[in-house]
């Protein structure tokens, strides 16, 4: 399983085209923390959970973000709250690693068109906590990844 951003320009052009067609408007961001739920609308949309290095490591890459998870929701606020209360195991590990510096980027879109945008973003961002191509894959240690069919 490949991780890290796609180096295929056509993947990125596809995301841009889908965003322009079905979800015009800016991405918004709130910290992934239960006190931030009021900043997330009760609307359908797509979201990306990203990690930012802890303050003591920002000297290396001060504005670096890593997409950990791409998801879709018919009610973004409900999904946000679920991620805060019952996060996936790998998101808990990421929170520890990044000193709780996880952000929830989102944009609203029509419910029937969320899957196309989610798939395109997964192909471009290749987040490490996502289900892709019929398999659930997760990094569990240095050089070790587990894959299984759901």
Protein backbone atom coordinates (compact mmCIF):
# COMPACT_ATOMS: atom_id res chain seq x y z
CA UNK A 1 0.00 0.00 0.00
CA UNK A 2 1.41 3.37 -0.97
CA UNK A 3 1.29 6.21 1.51
CA UNK A 4 1.99 9.86 0.95
CA UNK A 5 0.72 12.26 -1.60
CA UNK A 6 0.12 11.09 -5.14
CA UNK A 7 2.74 12.16 -7.64
CA UNK A 8 0.31 11.72 -10.52
CA UNK A 9 -0.86 15.14 -11.69
CA UNK A 10 -4.07 13.68 -13.15
CA UNK A 11 -5.13 12.62 -9.61
CA UNK A 12 -4.87 16.23 -8.42
CA UNK A 13 -6.63 17.60 -11.52
CA UNK A 14 -9.47 15.15 -10.84
CA UNK A 15 -9.85 16.44 -7.25
CA UNK A 16 -9.85 20.03 -8.47
CA UNK A 17 -12.46 19.26 -11.15
CA UNK A 18 -14.73 17.40 -8.70
CA UNK A 19 -14.43 20.18 -6.11
CA UNK A 20 -15.31 22.83 -8.70
CA UNK A 21 -18.25 20.80 -10.02
CA UNK A 22 -19.91 19.59 -6.84
CA UNK A 23 -18.49 21.45 -3.88
CA UNK A 24 -17.54 25.03 -4.67
CA UNK A 25 -16.27 27.09 -1.79
CA UNK A 26 -13.39 27.06 0.63
CA UNK A 27 -12.19 24.35 2.96
CA UNK A 28 -12.71 25.25 6.62
CA UNK A 29 -10.72 24.00 9.60
CA UNK A 30 -11.33 23.49 13.31
CA UNK A 31 -9.08 21.71 15.83
CA UNK A 32 -10.16 18.10 16.39
CA UNK A 33 -11.31 18.76 19.94
CA UNK A 34 -14.79 18.39 21.42
CA UNK A 35 -14.92 22.12 22.30
CA UNK A 36 -14.70 22.93 18.57
CA UNK A 37 -17.88 21.16 17.43
CA UNK A 38 -19.86 24.40 17.16
CA UNK A 39 -17.62 25.37 14.23
CA UNK A 40 -18.77 22.33 12.24
CA UNK A 41 -22.13 22.55 10.44
CA UNK A 42 -25.00 20.07 10.56
CA UNK A 43 -24.66 19.44 6.84
CA UNK A 44 -23.39 16.76 4.47
CA UNK A 45 -19.77 17.01 3.50
CA UNK A 46 -16.27 15.67 3.19
CA UNK A 47 -13.50 15.99 5.74
CA UNK A 48 -9.79 15.37 6.18
CA UNK A 49 -8.15 14.84 9.56
CA UNK A 50 -4.61 16.20 9.45
CA UNK A 51 -1.65 16.17 11.81
CA UNK A 52 0.72 19.05 12.37
CA UNK A 53 4.07 18.50 14.08
CA UNK A 54 4.22 19.40 17.77
CA UNK A 55 5.65 22.83 18.52
CA UNK A 56 9.09 21.51 19.46
CA UNK A 57 9.47 19.93 16.00
CA UNK A 58 8.20 22.79 13.84
CA UNK A 59 11.74 24.03 13.28
CA UNK A 60 12.11 21.24 10.73
CA UNK A 61 8.93 21.86 8.75
CA UNK A 62 6.87 24.69 10.26
CA UNK A 63 3.85 24.39 7.97
CA UNK A 64 3.91 20.67 7.19
CA UNK A 65 0.62 18.81 7.45
CA UNK A 66 -0.01 15.12 6.97
CA UNK A 67 -3.44 13.85 5.96
CA UNK A 68 -4.26 10.92 8.24
CA UNK A 69 -7.87 10.20 7.34
CA UNK A 70 -10.37 11.23 4.66
CA UNK A 71 -14.05 10.70 5.36
CA UNK A 72 -17.56 11.64 4.38
CA UNK A 73 -20.62 12.36 6.45
CA UNK A 74 -24.29 13.12 5.98
CA UNK A 75 -23.97 15.27 9.14
CA UNK A 76 -20.45 16.63 9.56
CA UNK A 77 -20.98 17.75 13.16
CA UNK A 78 -22.11 14.25 14.23
CA UNK A 79 -19.09 12.66 12.57
CA UNK A 80 -16.78 15.26 14.14
CA UNK A 81 -18.22 14.47 17.58
CA UNK A 82 -17.77 10.73 16.99
CA UNK A 83 -14.10 11.24 16.10
CA UNK A 84 -13.65 13.23 19.31
CA UNK A 85 -15.43 10.69 21.56
CA UNK A 86 -14.48 7.39 19.90
CA UNK A 87 -11.44 7.96 17.68
CA UNK A 88 -9.95 5.17 15.61
CA UNK A 89 -6.93 3.57 17.29
CA UNK A 90 -4.48 5.03 14.79
CA UNK A 91 -5.90 8.52 15.33
CA UNK A 92 -5.33 8.07 19.07
CA UNK A 93 -1.70 7.15 18.32
CA UNK A 94 -1.39 10.18 16.05
CA UNK A 95 -2.79 12.45 18.77
CA UNK A 96 -0.12 11.18 21.16
CA UNK A 97 2.63 11.53 18.58
CA UNK A 98 1.62 15.03 17.53
CA UNK A 99 0.72 16.29 21.04
CA UNK A 100 -2.99 16.49 20.16
CA UNK A 101 -2.29 18.74 17.17
CA UNK A 102 -4.94 17.22 14.89
CA UNK A 103 -7.11 19.41 12.69
CA UNK A 104 -10.45 18.68 11.02
CA UNK A 105 -10.65 20.23 7.52
CA UNK A 106 -14.06 20.09 5.90
CA UNK A 107 -16.31 21.43 3.21
CA UNK A 108 -20.00 20.93 2.69
CA UNK A 109 -21.40 19.31 -0.41
CA UNK A 110 -24.52 17.62 -1.69
CA UNK A 111 -25.05 14.24 -0.08
CA UNK A 112 -25.28 12.29 -3.34
CA UNK A 113 -21.88 13.51 -4.55
CA UNK A 114 -19.73 12.95 -1.48
CA UNK A 115 -18.34 9.55 -2.51
CA UNK A 116 -16.72 10.84 -5.71
CA UNK A 117 -14.85 13.55 -3.82
CA UNK A 118 -13.89 11.19 -0.99
CA UNK A 119 -12.43 8.65 -3.43
CA UNK A 120 -10.49 11.29 -5.32
CA UNK A 121 -9.04 12.72 -2.10
CA UNK A 122 -8.02 9.27 -0.86
CA UNK A 123 -6.22 8.63 -4.15
CA UNK A 124 -4.39 11.96 -3.94
CA UNK A 125 -3.58 12.15 -0.24
CA UNK A 126 -3.19 8.41 0.42
CA UNK A 127 -3.90 8.76 4.15
CA UNK A 128 -2.60 6.01 6.41
CA UNK A 129 -5.85 5.41 8.37
CA UNK A 130 -8.23 4.91 5.42
CA UNK A 131 -9.92 1.96 3.76
CA UNK A 132 -8.85 1.74 0.11
CA UNK A 133 -9.50 -0.60 -2.79
CA UNK A 134 -11.62 -2.98 -0.71
CA UNK A 135 -9.01 -3.41 2.02
CA UNK A 136 -8.60 -1.83 5.40
CA UNK A 137 -4.92 -1.06 5.85
CA UNK A 138 -3.11 0.32 8.86
CA UNK A 139 0.53 0.88 9.80
CA UNK A 140 1.18 -0.89 13.09
CA UNK A 141 4.91 -0.38 13.45
CA UNK A 142 8.09 0.46 11.56
CA UNK A 143 7.81 -1.22 8.20
CA UNK A 144 4.73 -3.25 9.22
CA UNK A 145 1.29 -2.78 7.70
CA UNK A 146 -1.80 -4.93 8.15
CA UNK A 147 -4.42 -5.34 5.43
CA UNK A 148 -7.72 -7.15 5.52
CA UNK A 149 -10.99 -7.17 3.68
CA UNK A 150 -13.80 -5.47 5.69
